[in-house]
């Protein structure tokens, strides 16, 4: 497989089917973690996607940690090494941790409303607005490493632009529309596409919930959904649509979190946010003072 040519091949091209089957079996039979789907992803030979079935927030965070443990150990048994690094291979697609969320009341999904655009309720729209409003600050938690921002670049199927859509993968929030109608009301959700596997799932899921709830409280309208491919838009077109851009580095994301942290106060004490910023700032500085191998290629003979 060439770069970005790995999406959904069949066997024998997909040599990792037995590996993923074993992962799914162990997760289900030994950990009680159900998986909806698994397949080879876009990046060249080795990138896998195994989707975990939705659950309550804490259960989902627990499942994410167990998932990583299982994947790494089964990979070792197969003579391979599994990495959750957001961007392990240069010039190829990175690995994300798309986070799906819905709100429920009295056993009803409050994001679903029949007859509305995309069957998304007003509460769902406000929740989406909250995520978009705090997206840049969220990146410091959902994308907490310097490597995270090698993934968040145009052209590699990772979201970069602050917008929402029903099916547009270039937007950071997507409203999946695989099935419609009241029979599928339980599936109505928002998919926040920015997070990556280097993030702490407990912090990410809680922060996304806090941002969304803040949007509901403030009735933050997300604006119109963007159906066009944002990657193909000019700066002027993006400006016309009011489409912002995610931070380009961990340093930028930390500045955003420092200036937009009030929405997190209902769930995190100031000491927690301060410690997140302190630890990530240390990582950023540790990388900044060390030469990158590619710099030798560019500058060794200057």
Protein backbone atom coordinates (compact mmCIF):
# COMPACT_ATOMS: atom_id res chain seq x y z
CA UNK A 1 0.00 0.00 0.00
CA UNK A 2 1.16 3.51 -0.78
CA UNK A 3 0.72 6.52 1.48
CA UNK A 4 -2.98 7.25 2.14
CA UNK A 5 -4.09 4.16 0.17
CA UNK A 6 -5.04 1.88 3.05
CA UNK A 7 -8.76 2.50 3.52
CA UNK A 8 -10.88 -0.65 3.81
CA UNK A 9 -8.90 -3.14 1.68
CA UNK A 10 -10.03 -6.75 1.71
CA UNK A 11 -7.90 -9.73 2.55
CA UNK A 12 -5.24 -10.74 1.65
CA UNK A 13 -4.17 -7.08 1.17
CA UNK A 14 -5.39 -6.37 4.69
CA UNK A 15 -3.06 -8.67 6.60
CA UNK A 16 -4.19 -7.33 9.98
CA UNK A 17 -7.72 -8.78 9.98
CA UNK A 18 -6.75 -11.67 12.30
CA UNK A 19 -5.09 -9.20 14.69
CA UNK A 20 -8.16 -6.97 14.86
CA UNK A 21 -10.48 -9.98 15.22
CA UNK A 22 -8.48 -11.10 18.25
CA UNK A 23 -8.57 -7.59 19.74
CA UNK A 24 -12.35 -7.42 19.34
CA UNK A 25 -12.82 -10.88 20.87
CA UNK A 26 -10.67 -10.10 23.91
CA UNK A 27 -12.30 -6.70 24.46
CA UNK A 28 -15.77 -8.27 24.29
CA UNK A 29 -15.25 -11.55 26.13
CA UNK A 30 -12.77 -10.43 28.81
CA UNK A 31 -13.55 -6.74 29.33
CA UNK A 32 -17.21 -6.45 28.36
CA UNK A 33 -16.34 -3.76 25.80
CA UNK A 34 -18.46 -4.07 22.66
CA UNK A 35 -17.07 -2.98 19.29
CA UNK A 36 -19.29 -1.73 16.46
CA UNK A 37 -16.85 -2.11 13.61
CA UNK A 38 -13.21 -2.61 12.70
CA UNK A 39 -11.21 -2.12 9.52
CA UNK A 40 -7.91 -0.95 8.07
CA UNK A 41 -7.68 2.84 7.91
CA UNK A 42 -6.32 5.27 5.32
CA UNK A 43 -2.66 5.30 6.33
CA UNK A 44 -0.32 2.78 4.77
CA UNK A 45 -0.09 -0.80 6.05
CA UNK A 46 -0.70 -0.92 9.78
CA UNK A 47 -3.25 1.76 10.67
CA UNK A 48 -6.31 0.17 12.25
CA UNK A 49 -9.67 1.45 13.44
CA UNK A 50 -11.68 -0.42 16.06
CA UNK A 51 -14.83 1.44 17.11
CA UNK A 52 -16.01 1.11 20.71
CA UNK A 53 -19.77 1.08 21.31
CA UNK A 54 -21.11 4.16 23.09
CA UNK A 55 -21.63 4.15 26.88
CA UNK A 56 -21.84 6.54 29.82
CA UNK A 57 -18.96 9.03 30.01
CA UNK A 58 -16.92 7.38 32.76
CA UNK A 59 -17.50 3.90 31.35
CA UNK A 60 -16.31 5.09 27.94
CA UNK A 61 -13.16 6.59 29.44
CA UNK A 62 -12.49 3.35 31.34
CA UNK A 63 -13.03 1.41 28.11
CA UNK A 64 -10.58 3.64 26.25
CA UNK A 65 -7.83 2.88 28.77
CA UNK A 66 -8.59 -0.85 28.66
CA UNK A 67 -8.65 -0.68 24.86
CA UNK A 68 -5.10 0.70 24.77
CA UNK A 69 -3.89 -1.98 27.18
CA UNK A 70 -5.46 -4.80 25.15
CA UNK A 71 -4.26 -3.50 21.78
CA UNK A 72 -0.65 -3.16 22.93
CA UNK A 73 -0.52 -6.60 24.50
CA UNK A 74 -2.15 -8.43 21.59
CA UNK A 75 0.14 -6.60 19.16
CA UNK A 76 3.13 -7.94 21.10
CA UNK A 77 1.71 -11.46 20.86
CA UNK A 78 1.48 -10.99 17.07
CA UNK A 79 5.10 -9.83 16.93
CA UNK A 80 4.15 -6.20 16.34
CA UNK A 81 4.27 -2.92 18.25
CA UNK A 82 1.13 -0.79 18.58
CA UNK A 83 1.41 2.97 18.94
CA UNK A 84 -1.30 5.48 19.76
CA UNK A 85 0.90 8.34 18.52
CA UNK A 86 -1.20 10.91 16.61
CA UNK A 87 1.26 11.23 13.70
CA UNK A 88 3.82 8.40 13.62
CA UNK A 89 4.49 8.47 9.86
CA UNK A 90 5.52 11.57 7.94
CA UNK A 91 3.37 12.51 4.93
CA UNK A 92 0.65 10.00 5.84
CA UNK A 93 -2.66 10.27 7.67
CA UNK A 94 -2.49 10.46 11.45
CA UNK A 95 -4.56 8.64 14.06
CA UNK A 96 -7.53 10.32 15.70
CA UNK A 97 -9.84 9.54 18.61
CA UNK A 98 -13.17 10.81 17.29
CA UNK A 99 -15.40 11.48 20.27
CA UNK A 100 -19.15 10.96 19.89
CA UNK A 101 -21.54 12.50 22.40
CA UNK A 102 -25.29 12.73 23.02
CA UNK A 103 -27.39 13.95 25.96
CA UNK A 104 -30.21 11.88 27.43
CA UNK A 105 -33.17 12.66 29.69
CA UNK A 106 -35.80 10.16 30.87
CA UNK A 107 -34.35 7.54 28.49
CA UNK A 108 -34.79 9.91 25.53
CA UNK A 109 -31.98 11.27 23.34
CA UNK A 110 -32.49 15.03 23.58
CA UNK A 111 -30.32 15.61 20.50
CA UNK A 112 -32.97 14.02 18.29
CA UNK A 113 -35.90 16.00 16.90
CA UNK A 114 -37.82 14.71 13.92
CA UNK A 115 -38.43 17.24 11.15
CA UNK A 116 -35.42 19.41 11.97
CA UNK A 117 -32.43 19.78 9.67
CA UNK A 118 -30.43 16.61 10.15
CA UNK A 119 -32.96 15.65 12.84
CA UNK A 120 -30.81 17.65 15.28
CA UNK A 121 -32.74 19.35 18.09
CA UNK A 122 -32.21 22.92 19.24
CA UNK A 123 -30.44 21.58 22.33
CA UNK A 124 -28.14 19.66 20.02
CA UNK A 125 -27.43 22.81 18.02
CA UNK A 126 -26.59 24.77 21.17
CA UNK A 127 -24.34 21.94 22.35
CA UNK A 128 -22.58 22.03 18.98
CA UNK A 129 -22.23 25.79 19.32
CA UNK A 130 -20.52 25.37 22.68
CA UNK A 131 -17.96 22.97 21.25
CA UNK A 132 -17.22 25.31 18.33
CA UNK A 133 -17.00 28.30 20.66
CA UNK A 134 -14.41 26.60 22.88
CA UNK A 135 -12.73 24.44 20.23
CA UNK A 136 -9.36 26.19 20.34
CA UNK A 137 -9.11 25.89 24.12
CA UNK A 138 -10.29 22.29 24.00
CA UNK A 139 -7.32 21.44 21.77
CA UNK A 140 -4.95 21.82 24.73
CA UNK A 141 -6.79 18.88 26.32
CA UNK A 142 -7.93 16.87 23.30
CA UNK A 143 -4.60 17.27 21.49
CA UNK A 144 -2.08 17.54 24.33
CA UNK A 145 1.24 16.73 22.62
CA UNK A 146 3.52 18.49 20.16
CA UNK A 147 3.02 15.51 17.84
CA UNK A 148 -0.74 16.16 17.87
CA UNK A 149 -0.29 19.21 15.66
CA UNK A 150 1.55 17.28 12.95
CA UNK A 151 -1.78 15.49 12.50
CA UNK A 152 -3.93 18.63 12.49
CA UNK A 153 -2.86 19.87 9.06
CA UNK A 154 -4.86 20.14 5.81
CA UNK A 155 -4.77 17.29 3.32
CA UNK A 156 -4.66 14.30 5.65
CA UNK A 157 -8.35 13.87 6.56
CA UNK A 158 -7.83 15.46 9.97
CA UNK A 159 -10.10 18.38 10.89
CA UNK A 160 -8.47 21.80 10.97
CA UNK A 161 -11.36 24.22 10.60
CA UNK A 162 -13.87 25.31 13.25
CA UNK A 163 -17.17 24.42 11.61
CA UNK A 164 -19.87 21.76 11.68
CA UNK A 165 -21.54 19.67 9.01
CA UNK A 166 -23.75 16.68 8.41
CA UNK A 167 -21.17 14.76 6.44
CA UNK A 168 -18.18 17.01 5.82
CA UNK A 169 -15.03 15.41 7.22
CA UNK A 170 -13.08 18.67 6.94
CA UNK A 171 -15.15 20.17 9.79
CA UNK A 172 -14.29 19.51 13.43
CA UNK A 173 -17.89 18.61 14.33
CA UNK A 174 -19.89 16.20 12.23
CA UNK A 175 -23.48 15.01 12.66
CA UNK A 176 -23.50 11.40 11.36
CA UNK A 177 -26.57 10.72 9.22
CA UNK A 178 -26.25 7.03 8.40
CA UNK A 179 -29.81 6.31 9.56
CA UNK A 180 -32.82 8.60 9.95
CA UNK A 181 -36.23 8.40 11.59
CA UNK A 182 -37.47 7.87 15.14
CA UNK A 183 -36.40 4.22 15.11
CA UNK A 184 -32.82 5.48 15.05
CA UNK A 185 -33.24 8.36 17.51
CA UNK A 186 -30.82 6.70 19.92
CA UNK A 187 -28.02 7.10 17.35
CA UNK A 188 -28.30 10.89 16.97
CA UNK A 189 -25.04 12.39 18.17
CA UNK A 190 -22.28 14.91 17.62
CA UNK A 191 -18.88 13.67 16.51
CA UNK A 192 -16.00 15.87 17.71
CA UNK A 193 -13.22 14.92 15.31
CA UNK A 194 -10.25 16.82 16.72
CA UNK A 195 -9.17 14.58 19.66
CA UNK A 196 -6.34 12.10 19.25
CA UNK A 197 -5.26 9.00 21.23
CA UNK A 198 -2.48 10.79 23.11
CA UNK A 199 -5.17 12.55 25.15
CA UNK A 200 -6.42 11.52 28.59
CA UNK A 201 -9.97 10.27 27.86
CA UNK A 202 -11.31 11.32 31.27
CA UNK A 203 -10.17 14.90 30.68
CA UNK A 204 -11.28 14.99 27.03
CA UNK A 205 -14.77 13.59 27.52
CA UNK A 206 -15.40 15.82 30.56
CA UNK A 207 -14.11 18.91 28.76
CA UNK A 208 -16.24 18.27 25.67
CA UNK A 209 -19.28 17.87 27.90
CA UNK A 210 -18.46 21.11 29.74
CA UNK A 211 -18.08 23.02 26.46
CA UNK A 212 -21.35 21.65 25.12
CA UNK A 213 -23.29 22.36 28.31
CA UNK A 214 -21.88 25.89 28.30
CA UNK A 215 -23.30 26.28 24.80
CA UNK A 216 -26.70 25.02 25.94
CA UNK A 217 -26.75 27.43 28.90
CA UNK A 218 -25.75 30.39 26.75
CA UNK A 219 -27.85 29.26 23.75
CA UNK A 220 -24.79 29.48 21.50
CA UNK A 221 -25.92 29.08 17.91
CA UNK A 222 -23.40 27.19 15.73
CA UNK A 223 -24.48 28.97 12.55
CA UNK A 224 -25.14 27.19 9.28
CA UNK A 225 -23.54 23.87 8.57
CA UNK A 226 -20.80 23.87 5.94
CA UNK A 227 -21.41 21.36 3.17
CA UNK A 228 -18.48 22.34 0.93
CA UNK A 229 -15.01 20.83 1.30
CA UNK A 230 -13.33 23.42 3.52
CA UNK A 231 -9.87 22.20 2.47
CA UNK A 232 -10.64 23.53 -1.03
CA UNK A 233 -11.83 26.95 0.14
CA UNK A 234 -9.71 30.09 -0.11
CA UNK A 235 -9.04 32.23 2.94
CA UNK A 236 -11.60 34.72 1.67
CA UNK A 237 -14.25 32.00 1.32
CA UNK A 238 -13.55 30.73 4.83
CA UNK A 239 -13.74 34.26 6.20
CA UNK A 240 -17.06 34.77 4.41
CA UNK A 241 -18.46 31.64 6.08
CA UNK A 242 -17.03 32.64 9.47
CA UNK A 243 -14.83 29.55 9.63
CA UNK A 244 -11.98 29.70 12.14
CA UNK A 245 -8.80 27.62 12.30
CA UNK A 246 -7.60 25.37 15.11
CA UNK A 247 -4.28 26.13 16.83
CA UNK A 248 -1.26 25.18 14.72
CA UNK A 249 0.89 24.14 17.67
CA UNK A 250 0.69 23.03 21.28
CA UNK A 251 1.97 26.44 22.35
CA UNK A 252 -0.93 28.17 20.59
CA UNK A 253 -3.43 25.74 22.12
CA UNK A 254 -2.10 26.43 25.62
CA UNK A 255 -2.48 30.18 25.09
CA UNK A 256 -6.08 29.55 24.04
CA UNK A 257 -6.76 27.50 27.17
CA UNK A 258 -5.19 30.15 29.39
CA UNK A 259 -7.55 32.78 27.97
CA UNK A 260 -10.66 30.56 27.76
CA UNK A 261 -10.95 28.34 30.83
CA UNK A 262 -14.01 29.61 32.68
CA UNK A 263 -16.28 27.06 30.98
CA UNK A 264 -14.23 24.29 32.64
CA UNK A 265 -14.73 25.58 36.20
CA UNK A 266 -17.85 23.44 36.84
CA UNK A 267 -15.74 20.28 36.47
CA UNK A 268 -12.07 21.21 37.07
CA UNK A 269 -10.50 23.18 39.89
CA UNK A 270 -8.04 25.89 38.88
CA UNK A 271 -5.22 23.71 40.19
CA UNK A 272 -6.09 20.98 37.68
CA UNK A 273 -6.08 23.34 34.71
CA UNK A 274 -2.87 24.98 35.94
CA UNK A 275 -1.20 21.57 36.18
CA UNK A 276 -2.34 20.61 32.66
CA UNK A 277 -0.82 23.81 31.29
CA UNK A 278 2.38 23.37 33.33
CA UNK A 279 3.02 19.78 32.20
CA UNK A 280 2.24 20.43 28.54
CA UNK A 281 4.30 23.62 28.52
CA UNK A 282 7.25 21.57 29.77
CA UNK A 283 6.81 19.08 26.90
CA UNK A 284 6.62 21.94 24.43
CA UNK A 285 9.83 23.51 25.73
CA UNK A 286 11.65 20.17 25.84
CA UNK A 287 10.91 19.68 22.14
CA UNK A 288 11.65 23.31 21.23
CA UNK A 289 15.24 23.18 22.49
CA UNK A 290 16.13 19.99 20.62
CA UNK A 291 17.09 19.88 16.92
CA UNK A 292 14.65 17.97 14.71
CA UNK A 293 16.22 15.31 12.43
CA UNK A 294 14.69 16.99 9.36
CA UNK A 295 16.61 20.16 10.22
CA UNK A 296 19.83 18.33 9.40
CA UNK A 297 18.48 17.64 5.91
CA UNK A 298 17.51 21.29 5.46
CA UNK A 299 20.35 23.15 7.13
CA UNK A 300 23.41 20.91 7.65
CA UNK A 301 25.29 22.45 4.72
CA UNK A 302 24.32 26.10 5.19
